[in-house]
Amino acid sequence: MKKLVLIAAMLLISATFSFGKNADKTYTGEVMDSQCAKMGNHDAGYKRTGTTTPKDCAQACVKSGGKYVLYDSATKTAYELDDQDKAKDLAGQKVKVEGTLNHATKTIHVAKIEAAP
């Protein structure tokens, strides 16, 4: 009887974990720095950093302490990207990010990131 209860408990626990996992989804937007994403554009960043392109602005702002984020202009929402190295080369570009969103921290665990067509 104890074995049966133990097996049932293990099945219940494994079912809970499998249903609780978030599946990877695809998110689209622009790779921006966290400071400019708060304002929804690079206008102030251009003035502050002396840059003229979204890529240069984002990279300069990250060097001064910001983080790379995915900015969705349609919803005006920024999601921090957990893999900053993957985002660096795509700074200032429209991208597709495949990953899992942590809703509590608004952070995307990046599985794959690529330039959007």
C-alpha atoms as a PDB file:
ATOM      1  CA  MET A   1       0.000   0.000   0.000  1.00  0.00           C
ATOM      2  CA  LYS A   2       2.851   2.374   0.837  1.00  0.00           C
ATOM      3  CA  LYS A   3       4.391   1.774  -2.605  1.00  0.00           C
ATOM      4  CA  LEU A   4       1.092   2.618  -4.283  1.00  0.00           C
ATOM      5  CA  VAL A   5       0.767   5.874  -2.347  1.00  0.00           C
ATOM      6  CA  LEU A   6       4.387   6.759  -3.094  1.00  0.00           C
ATOM      7  CA  ILE A   7       3.945   6.078  -6.819  1.00  0.00           C
ATOM      8  CA  ALA A   8       0.723   8.106  -6.907  1.00  0.00           C
ATOM      9  CA  ALA A   9       2.447  11.002  -5.145  1.00  0.00           C
ATOM     10  CA  MET A  10       5.368  10.913  -7.584  1.00  0.00           C
ATOM     11  CA  LEU A  11       3.023  10.919 -10.570  1.00  0.00           C
ATOM     12  CA  LEU A  12       1.109  13.851  -9.127  1.00  0.00           C
ATOM     13  CA  ILE A  13       4.296  15.823  -8.536  1.00  0.00           C
ATOM     14  CA  SER A  14       5.671  15.153 -12.026  1.00  0.00           C
ATOM     15  CA  ALA A  15       2.327  16.085 -13.596  1.00  0.00           C
ATOM     16  CA  THR A  16       2.319  19.345 -11.648  1.00  0.00           C
ATOM     17  CA  PHE A  17       5.784  20.254 -12.910  1.00  0.00           C
ATOM     18  CA  SER A  18       5.038  19.375 -16.515  1.00  0.00           C
ATOM     19  CA  PHE A  19       1.833  21.438 -16.564  1.00  0.00           C
ATOM     20  CA  GLY A  20       3.523  24.321 -14.729  1.00  0.00           C
ATOM     21  CA  LYS A  21       6.288  24.776 -17.316  1.00  0.00           C
ATOM     22  CA  ASN A  22       6.008  27.674 -19.690  1.00  0.00           C
ATOM     23  CA  ALA A  23       6.523  26.733 -23.306  1.00  0.00           C
ATOM     24  CA  ASP A  24       8.823  28.823 -25.469  1.00  0.00           C
ATOM     25  CA  LYS A  25       6.997  31.552 -27.353  1.00  0.00           C
ATOM     26  CA  THR A  26       8.068  34.030 -30.006  1.00  0.00           C
ATOM     27  CA  TYR A  27       8.207  37.717 -29.112  1.00  0.00           C
ATOM     28  CA  THR A  28       8.916  40.546 -31.543  1.00  0.00           C
ATOM     29  CA  GLY A  29      10.175  44.061 -31.042  1.00  0.00           C
ATOM     30  CA  GLU A  30      13.354  46.117 -31.046  1.00  0.00           C
ATOM     31  CA  VAL A  31      16.457  45.416 -29.027  1.00  0.00           C
ATOM     32  CA  MET A  32      16.857  48.638 -27.026  1.00  0.00           C
ATOM     33  CA  ASP A  33      18.589  49.679 -23.861  1.00  0.00           C
ATOM     34  CA  SER A  34      16.516  49.823 -20.694  1.00  0.00           C
ATOM     35  CA  GLN A  35      16.851  53.616 -20.303  1.00  0.00           C
ATOM     36  CA  CYS A  36      15.522  54.487 -23.772  1.00  0.00           C
ATOM     37  CA  ALA A  37      12.847  51.797 -23.561  1.00  0.00           C
ATOM     38  CA  LYS A  38      11.364  53.575 -20.530  1.00  0.00           C
ATOM     39  CA  MET A  39      10.806  56.600 -22.783  1.00  0.00           C
ATOM     40  CA  GLY A  40       9.790  54.541 -25.817  1.00  0.00           C
ATOM     41  CA  ASN A  41      12.443  56.032 -28.111  1.00  0.00           C
ATOM     42  CA  HIS A  42      16.101  57.002 -28.410  1.00  0.00           C
ATOM     43  CA  ASP A  43      15.617  60.782 -28.643  1.00  0.00           C
ATOM     44  CA  ALA A  44      17.038  61.629 -25.207  1.00  0.00           C
ATOM     45  CA  GLY A  45      19.656  58.904 -25.556  1.00  0.00           C
ATOM     46  CA  TYR A  46      20.990  60.422 -28.770  1.00  0.00           C
ATOM     47  CA  LYS A  47      21.518  63.738 -27.007  1.00  0.00           C
ATOM     48  CA  ARG A  48      23.017  62.192 -23.894  1.00  0.00           C
ATOM     49  CA  THR A  49      25.392  59.817 -25.696  1.00  0.00           C
ATOM     50  CA  GLY A  50      26.202  61.885 -28.788  1.00  0.00           C
ATOM     51  CA  THR A  51      25.106  59.033 -31.054  1.00  0.00           C
ATOM     52  CA  THR A  52      22.880  59.077 -34.125  1.00  0.00           C
ATOM     53  CA  THR A  53      21.742  55.468 -34.660  1.00  0.00           C
ATOM     54  CA  PRO A  54      19.622  53.170 -32.494  1.00  0.00           C
ATOM     55  CA  LYS A  55      22.449  50.596 -32.384  1.00  0.00           C
ATOM     56  CA  ASP A  56      25.090  53.090 -31.253  1.00  0.00           C
ATOM     57  CA  CYS A  57      22.697  54.621 -28.729  1.00  0.00           C
ATOM     58  CA  ALA A  58      21.714  51.271 -27.213  1.00  0.00           C
ATOM     59  CA  GLN A  59      25.315  50.101 -26.975  1.00  0.00           C
ATOM     60  CA  ALA A  60      26.437  53.378 -25.372  1.00  0.00           C
ATOM     61  CA  CYS A  61      23.589  53.279 -22.853  1.00  0.00           C
ATOM     62  CA  VAL A  62      24.379  49.669 -21.942  1.00  0.00           C
ATOM     63  CA  LYS A  63      28.024  50.619 -21.421  1.00  0.00           C
ATOM     64  CA  SER A  64      26.820  53.254 -18.954  1.00  0.00           C
ATOM     65  CA  GLY A  65      24.836  50.729 -16.908  1.00  0.00           C
ATOM     66  CA  GLY A  66      21.723  49.861 -18.882  1.00  0.00           C
ATOM     67  CA  LYS A  67      20.529  46.427 -19.947  1.00  0.00           C
ATOM     68  CA  TYR A  68      19.431  45.159 -23.343  1.00  0.00           C
ATOM     69  CA  VAL A  69      15.672  44.730 -23.489  1.00  0.00           C
ATOM     70  CA  LEU A  70      13.100  43.743 -26.059  1.00  0.00           C
ATOM     71  CA  TYR A  71      10.835  46.744 -26.596  1.00  0.00           C
ATOM     72  CA  ASP A  72       7.387  46.109 -28.031  1.00  0.00           C
ATOM     73  CA  SER A  73       6.222  49.475 -29.401  1.00  0.00           C
ATOM     74  CA  ALA A  74       2.656  48.208 -29.948  1.00  0.00           C
ATOM     75  CA  THR A  75       2.153  47.548 -26.224  1.00  0.00           C
ATOM     76  CA  LYS A  76       4.860  49.967 -25.011  1.00  0.00           C
ATOM     77  CA  THR A  77       6.332  47.173 -22.932  1.00  0.00           C
ATOM     78  CA  ALA A  78       9.962  46.299 -22.298  1.00  0.00           C
ATOM     79  CA  TYR A  79      11.145  42.817 -21.424  1.00  0.00           C
ATOM     80  CA  GLU A  80      14.638  42.318 -20.044  1.00  0.00           C
ATOM     81  CA  LEU A  81      16.646  39.728 -21.956  1.00  0.00           C
ATOM     82  CA  ASP A  82      18.487  37.273 -19.748  1.00  0.00           C
ATOM     83  CA  ASP A  83      21.231  36.666 -22.324  1.00  0.00           C
ATOM     84  CA  GLN A  84      22.788  40.072 -22.888  1.00  0.00           C
ATOM     85  CA  ASP A  85      25.510  38.691 -25.195  1.00  0.00           C
ATOM     86  CA  LYS A  86      23.000  37.351 -27.717  1.00  0.00           C
ATOM     87  CA  ALA A  87      21.260  40.747 -27.816  1.00  0.00           C
ATOM     88  CA  LYS A  88      24.411  42.880 -28.200  1.00  0.00           C
ATOM     89  CA  ASP A  89      24.954  42.298 -31.924  1.00  0.00           C
ATOM     90  CA  LEU A  90      21.273  42.990 -32.668  1.00  0.00           C
ATOM     91  CA  ALA A  91      21.061  46.257 -30.727  1.00  0.00           C
ATOM     92  CA  GLY A  92      18.793  48.769 -32.450  1.00  0.00           C
ATOM     93  CA  GLN A  93      17.251  46.158 -34.761  1.00  0.00           C
ATOM     94  CA  LYS A  94      13.821  44.611 -35.053  1.00  0.00           C
ATOM     95  CA  VAL A  95      14.067  41.024 -33.841  1.00  0.00           C
ATOM     96  CA  LYS A  96      12.238  37.804 -33.118  1.00  0.00           C
ATOM     97  CA  VAL A  97      13.022  36.260 -29.744  1.00  0.00           C
ATOM     98  CA  GLU A  98      12.105  32.699 -28.902  1.00  0.00           C
ATOM     99  CA  GLY A  99      12.043  32.056 -25.210  1.00  0.00           C
ATOM    100  CA  THR A 100      10.145  31.777 -21.980  1.00  0.00           C
ATOM    101  CA  LEU A 101       8.757  34.854 -20.238  1.00  0.00           C
ATOM    102  CA  ASN A 102       8.951  35.178 -16.476  1.00  0.00           C
ATOM    103  CA  HIS A 103       5.868  37.319 -15.884  1.00  0.00           C
ATOM    104  CA  ALA A 104       6.935  38.316 -12.368  1.00  0.00           C
ATOM    105  CA  THR A 105      10.226  39.877 -13.480  1.00  0.00           C
ATOM    106  CA  LYS A 106       9.290  40.673 -17.109  1.00  0.00           C
ATOM    107  CA  THR A 107      12.404  38.811 -18.200  1.00  0.00           C
ATOM    108  CA  ILE A 108      12.628  36.605 -21.262  1.00  0.00           C
ATOM    109  CA  HIS A 109      14.872  33.556 -20.992  1.00  0.00           C
ATOM    110  CA  VAL A 110      16.299  33.681 -24.511  1.00  0.00           C
ATOM    111  CA  ALA A 111      16.483  30.406 -26.399  1.00  0.00           C
ATOM    112  CA  LYS A 112      17.040  32.042 -29.783  1.00  0.00           C
ATOM    113  CA  ILE A 113      17.200  35.584 -31.114  1.00  0.00           C
ATOM    114  CA  GLU A 114      17.398  36.688 -34.743  1.00  0.00           C
ATOM    115  CA  ALA A 115      16.785  39.733 -36.904  1.00  0.00           C
ATOM    116  CA  ALA A 116      13.160  40.049 -37.979  1.00  0.00           C
ATOM    117  CA  PRO A 117      12.439  40.039 -41.710  1.00  0.00           C
END
